[in-house]
Protein backbone atom coordinates (compact mmCIF):
# COMPACT_ATOMS: atom_id res chain seq x y z
CA UNK A 1 119.23 98.41 94.44
CA UNK A 2 120.01 101.93 93.18
CA UNK A 3 116.39 102.43 92.16
CA UNK A 4 115.29 101.40 95.64
CA UNK A 5 117.60 103.84 97.38
CA UNK A 6 116.73 106.73 95.08
CA UNK A 7 113.04 106.14 95.66
CA UNK A 8 113.34 105.96 99.43
CA UNK A 9 115.12 109.31 99.41
CA UNK A 10 112.13 110.83 97.66
CA UNK A 11 109.17 109.17 99.30
CA UNK A 12 110.44 109.34 102.89
CA UNK A 13 110.25 113.13 102.71
CA UNK A 14 106.45 112.96 102.38
CA UNK A 15 105.64 113.05 106.12
CA UNK A 16 108.01 115.98 106.65
CA UNK A 17 106.54 117.85 103.70
CA UNK A 18 103.02 117.23 104.95
CA UNK A 19 103.93 118.53 108.39
CA UNK A 20 105.69 121.64 107.12
CA UNK A 21 102.92 122.63 104.71
CA UNK A 22 100.47 122.83 107.61
CA UNK A 23 102.41 125.57 109.35
CA UNK A 24 100.72 128.90 108.73
CA UNK A 25 98.75 127.51 105.79
CA UNK A 26 95.10 128.31 105.11
CA UNK A 27 92.71 125.40 105.65
CA UNK A 28 91.61 123.76 102.39
CA UNK A 29 88.48 125.13 100.76
CA UNK A 30 85.39 123.04 100.11
CA UNK A 31 86.34 122.95 96.43
CA UNK A 32 89.86 121.68 97.23
CA UNK A 33 88.46 119.00 99.54
CA UNK A 34 86.02 117.88 96.86
CA UNK A 35 88.80 117.71 94.26
CA UNK A 36 90.96 115.60 96.57
CA UNK A 37 88.08 113.22 97.28
CA UNK A 38 87.44 112.85 93.55
CA UNK A 39 91.14 112.24 92.86
CA UNK A 40 91.38 109.67 95.66
CA UNK A 41 88.27 107.91 94.35
CA UNK A 42 89.73 107.71 90.84
CA UNK A 43 93.02 106.40 92.24
CA UNK A 44 91.19 103.77 94.28
CA UNK A 45 89.24 102.56 91.24
CA UNK A 46 92.46 102.09 89.27
CA UNK A 47 94.07 100.42 92.29
CA UNK A 48 91.22 97.91 92.54
CA UNK A 49 91.74 96.96 88.90
CA UNK A 50 95.47 96.49 89.55
CA UNK A 51 94.77 94.50 92.71
CA UNK A 52 92.44 92.13 90.84
CA UNK A 53 95.36 90.98 88.66
CA UNK A 54 97.46 89.85 91.65
CA UNK A 55 97.87 86.35 93.11
CA UNK A 56 95.33 85.63 95.86
CA UNK A 57 97.92 85.71 98.67
CA UNK A 58 99.06 89.19 97.64
CA UNK A 59 95.48 90.39 97.30
CA UNK A 60 94.96 89.44 100.94
CA UNK A 61 97.93 91.62 101.93
CA UNK A 62 96.66 94.56 99.86
CA UNK A 63 93.29 94.27 101.60
CA UNK A 64 95.01 94.41 105.00
CA UNK A 65 96.77 97.61 103.89
CA UNK A 66 93.50 99.12 102.69
CA UNK A 67 91.97 98.51 106.11
CA UNK A 68 94.90 99.91 108.08
CA UNK A 69 96.89 102.58 106.20
CA UNK A 70 94.33 105.33 106.75
CA UNK A 71 93.26 108.31 104.67
CA UNK A 72 96.72 109.90 104.50
CA UNK A 73 98.97 106.96 103.65
CA UNK A 74 96.60 104.79 101.59
CA UNK A 75 96.33 107.17 98.57
CA UNK A 76 100.11 107.61 98.64
CA UNK A 77 100.64 103.85 98.63
CA UNK A 78 98.06 103.33 95.88
CA UNK A 79 99.79 105.88 93.65
CA UNK A 80 103.14 104.20 94.33
CA UNK A 81 101.76 100.89 93.11
CA UNK A 82 99.97 102.39 90.09
CA UNK A 83 103.26 104.02 89.08
CA UNK A 84 105.21 100.79 89.62
CA UNK A 85 107.21 102.27 92.50
CA UNK A 86 108.80 100.45 95.40
CA UNK A 87 107.21 100.93 98.82
CA UNK A 88 108.06 100.03 102.40
CA UNK A 89 104.65 98.34 102.48
CA UNK A 90 105.24 96.13 99.46
CA UNK A 91 104.06 92.54 99.68
CA UNK A 92 106.96 90.29 100.67
CA UNK A 93 107.02 86.80 99.19
CA UNK A 94 109.04 84.81 101.70
CA UNK A 95 112.06 82.75 100.81
CA UNK A 96 111.34 79.70 103.03
CA UNK A 97 115.07 79.21 103.62
CA UNK A 98 115.43 82.62 105.29
CA UNK A 99 114.31 83.91 108.71
CA UNK A 100 111.29 86.19 108.95
CA UNK A 101 111.83 89.68 110.38
CA UNK A 102 109.07 92.10 111.37
CA UNK A 103 109.49 95.88 111.76
CA UNK A 104 107.05 97.86 113.91
CA UNK A 105 107.15 101.64 114.17
CA UNK A 106 106.05 105.04 112.93
CA UNK A 107 107.05 107.06 109.85
CA UNK A 108 110.71 107.06 110.89
CA UNK A 109 110.59 103.26 110.90
CA UNK A 110 108.86 103.39 107.54
CA UNK A 111 111.70 105.55 106.26
CA UNK A 112 114.41 103.05 107.16
CA UNK A 113 112.47 99.95 106.09
CA UNK A 114 113.67 99.90 102.47
CA UNK A 115 117.37 100.46 103.30
CA UNK A 116 117.14 97.72 105.95
CA UNK A 117 115.44 95.41 103.47
CA UNK A 118 118.17 96.04 100.89
CA UNK A 119 120.92 95.45 103.47
CA UNK A 120 119.31 92.16 104.52
CA UNK A 121 118.70 90.90 100.99
CA UNK A 122 119.32 87.13 100.80
CA UNK A 123 119.71 87.14 104.60
CA UNK A 124 116.16 87.66 105.85
CA UNK A 125 112.57 88.22 104.73
CA UNK A 126 111.89 91.75 106.01
CA UNK A 127 108.23 92.66 106.57
CA UNK A 128 106.73 95.73 108.22
CA UNK A 129 103.48 96.44 110.04
CA UNK A 130 100.66 97.48 107.68
CA UNK A 131 100.37 101.06 108.91
CA UNK A 132 102.11 103.98 110.54
CA UNK A 133 101.96 102.37 113.97
CA UNK A 134 101.54 105.57 115.97
CA UNK A 135 101.40 105.57 119.79
CA UNK A 136 101.45 102.69 122.27
CA UNK A 137 97.66 102.90 122.63
CA UNK A 138 97.33 101.97 118.95
CA UNK A 139 99.92 99.23 119.35
CA UNK A 140 97.90 97.52 122.06
CA UNK A 141 94.74 97.75 119.97
CA UNK A 142 96.21 96.63 116.63
CA UNK A 143 99.09 94.29 117.50
CA UNK A 144 97.18 91.11 116.71
CA UNK A 145 96.30 92.45 113.26
CA UNK A 146 99.88 93.52 112.57
CA UNK A 147 101.44 90.22 113.61
CA UNK A 148 99.12 88.16 111.44
CA UNK A 149 99.26 84.37 111.54
CA UNK A 150 102.87 83.71 110.55
CA UNK A 151 105.81 82.87 112.79
CA UNK A 152 108.41 85.60 113.33
CA UNK A 153 112.08 85.01 114.07
CA UNK A 154 112.93 88.62 114.98
CA UNK A 155 110.67 91.57 115.81
CA UNK A 156 112.29 95.04 115.78
CA UNK A 157 109.92 97.58 117.35
CA UNK A 158 109.57 101.17 118.52
CA UNK A 159 106.96 103.49 120.00
CA UNK A 160 107.87 106.99 121.11
CA UNK A 161 107.44 109.99 118.83
CA UNK A 162 103.65 109.65 118.88
CA UNK A 163 103.82 109.16 122.65
CA UNK A 164 105.67 112.40 123.33
CA UNK A 165 102.57 113.79 125.09
CA UNK A 166 101.61 110.51 126.76
CA UNK A 167 102.08 110.54 130.53
CA UNK A 168 105.10 108.64 131.81
CA UNK A 169 102.89 106.20 133.71
CA UNK A 170 100.62 105.46 130.76
CA UNK A 171 103.61 104.99 128.46
CA UNK A 172 105.24 102.60 130.91
CA UNK A 173 102.08 100.54 131.40
CA UNK A 174 101.28 100.33 127.69
CA UNK A 175 104.82 99.48 126.67
CA UNK A 176 104.90 96.72 129.29
CA UNK A 177 101.74 95.25 127.74
CA UNK A 178 103.21 95.45 124.24
CA UNK A 179 106.39 93.68 125.34
CA UNK A 180 104.25 90.97 126.92
CA UNK A 181 102.31 90.57 123.65
CA UNK A 182 105.50 90.36 121.60
CA UNK A 183 107.25 87.93 123.94
CA UNK A 184 104.30 85.58 123.51
CA UNK A 185 105.21 85.20 119.80
CA UNK A 186 108.46 83.42 120.69
CA UNK A 187 110.42 85.79 118.44
CA UNK A 188 113.71 87.40 119.42
CA UNK A 189 112.84 91.00 120.29
CA UNK A 190 114.81 94.16 119.53
CA UNK A 191 113.67 97.48 120.96
CA UNK A 192 114.71 100.52 118.92
CA UNK A 193 115.11 103.63 121.04
CA UNK A 194 113.22 106.65 119.72
CA UNK A 195 115.19 109.04 117.53
CA UNK A 196 115.53 112.66 118.70
CA UNK A 197 112.94 115.41 118.32
CA UNK A 198 114.69 118.76 117.71
CA UNK A 199 113.80 121.58 120.14
CA UNK A 200 112.64 123.86 117.30
CA UNK A 201 109.67 121.75 116.14
CA UNK A 202 106.12 123.05 116.70
CA UNK A 203 106.04 121.14 120.01
CA UNK A 204 109.06 123.03 121.33
CA UNK A 205 111.87 121.82 123.60
CA UNK A 206 109.36 120.01 125.82
CA UNK A 207 109.09 117.32 123.13
CA UNK A 208 112.88 116.93 123.07
CA UNK A 209 112.89 116.32 126.81
CA UNK A 210 109.86 114.03 126.59
CA UNK A 211 111.63 111.68 124.17
CA UNK A 212 114.66 111.44 126.45
CA UNK A 213 112.31 110.54 129.32
CA UNK A 214 110.43 107.98 127.21
CA UNK A 215 113.71 106.37 126.14
CA UNK A 216 114.76 106.09 129.78
CA UNK A 217 111.45 104.42 130.70
CA UNK A 218 111.73 102.05 127.74
CA UNK A 219 115.33 101.16 128.60
CA UNK A 220 114.27 100.09 132.09
CA UNK A 221 111.43 97.96 130.70
CA UNK A 222 113.69 96.26 128.17
CA UNK A 223 116.34 95.53 130.79
CA UNK A 224 113.74 93.99 133.08
CA UNK A 225 112.36 91.85 130.24
CA UNK A 226 115.79 90.96 128.79
CA UNK A 227 114.92 92.50 125.42
CA UNK A 228 117.78 93.43 123.07
CA UNK A 229 118.20 97.17 122.43
CA UNK A 230 119.14 98.98 119.23
CA UNK A 231 120.01 102.46 120.50
CA UNK A 232 119.09 104.51 117.44
CA UNK A 233 118.93 107.68 119.56
CA UNK A 234 122.62 107.50 120.45
CA UNK A 235 123.54 106.18 117.01
CA UNK A 236 122.03 109.04 115.01
CA UNK A 237 122.48 111.97 117.45
CA UNK A 238 126.04 112.90 116.33
CA UNK A 239 124.80 113.13 112.71
CA UNK A 240 121.58 115.12 113.26
CA UNK A 241 122.80 118.40 111.78
CA UNK A 242 123.58 116.62 108.51
CA UNK A 243 120.82 114.04 108.19
CA UNK A 244 117.66 115.32 109.94
CA UNK A 245 115.22 117.69 108.23
CA UNK A 246 115.11 121.20 109.76
CA UNK A 247 112.49 121.65 112.49
CA UNK A 248 111.24 118.11 111.94
CA UNK A 249 111.39 114.62 113.43
CA UNK A 250 111.96 113.04 110.00
CA UNK A 251 115.21 112.46 108.13
CA UNK A 252 116.78 113.08 104.77
CA UNK A 253 117.52 110.08 102.56
CA UNK A 254 121.06 109.87 103.93
CA UNK A 255 119.68 109.64 107.46
CA UNK A 256 117.30 106.83 106.57
CA UNK A 257 120.11 104.98 104.81
CA UNK A 258 122.23 105.20 107.97
CA UNK A 259 119.38 104.09 110.21
CA UNK A 260 118.43 101.24 107.86
CA UNK A 261 121.97 99.89 107.79
CA UNK A 262 122.20 100.08 111.58
CA UNK A 263 118.87 98.27 111.92
CA UNK A 264 120.09 95.56 109.54
CA UNK A 265 123.36 95.14 111.45
CA UNK A 266 121.52 94.71 114.75
CA UNK A 267 119.07 92.23 113.24
CA UNK A 268 121.93 90.20 111.76
CA UNK A 269 123.66 90.19 115.14
CA UNK A 270 120.55 88.94 116.95
CA UNK A 271 119.77 86.33 114.30
CA UNK A 272 123.14 84.75 115.09
CA UNK A 273 122.40 84.45 118.82
CA UNK A 274 120.94 81.29 120.32
């Protein structure tokens, strides 16, 4: 458990680091791009050898990740596996006696996946979508792939940070469609409100206001559809100065631990309902 929590503190800083290094930085040279491509190719070759040693069912999952993680996250994940590190996208071998839980969301959701999984150990099989889920437009397009063929008992989902520039009407229409898709699974649904965007990010205070508006729209949709709500916005707001990275939407390890435990508590609560 300790190893898991230490690792999540390290790896969940990757998106924030990537965002911050872009600010004021020179674009990569042709030589740097070529070096990265060569390094990624070498990593992929080693990953394929590792993958070939796995049980068939796990190989299928790894292939799904390869098709969906994208050029940023896939090399990171491959290096995690080659270095025997724990990842939010690890293959989950279900305990058939436990309920199946599915997490959908962006890099913030990715950050709290491991703490939630630890908190729900021996209580639920906790899976997550095989990519950084991005905006609602991507959710509509990829939901069938994410859900796979298994039956889910609880689906905990969020879309918001990547929709900060989406019009209110488009966000409402798309989120309505996503809720309809998820209700069709028969799972108990939990909407996670979007965590705050600080006013000093590159998108300015407009993004802060946009998230508040998107949360209001989402709250109305969930009320209309009788979907349970996990208000992560209100939960984490009093702690932002301590647990959110400066000028960034992402969190420190302590913040992800707090969010993960709150997610686990809400999932446990809903699992007990009829």
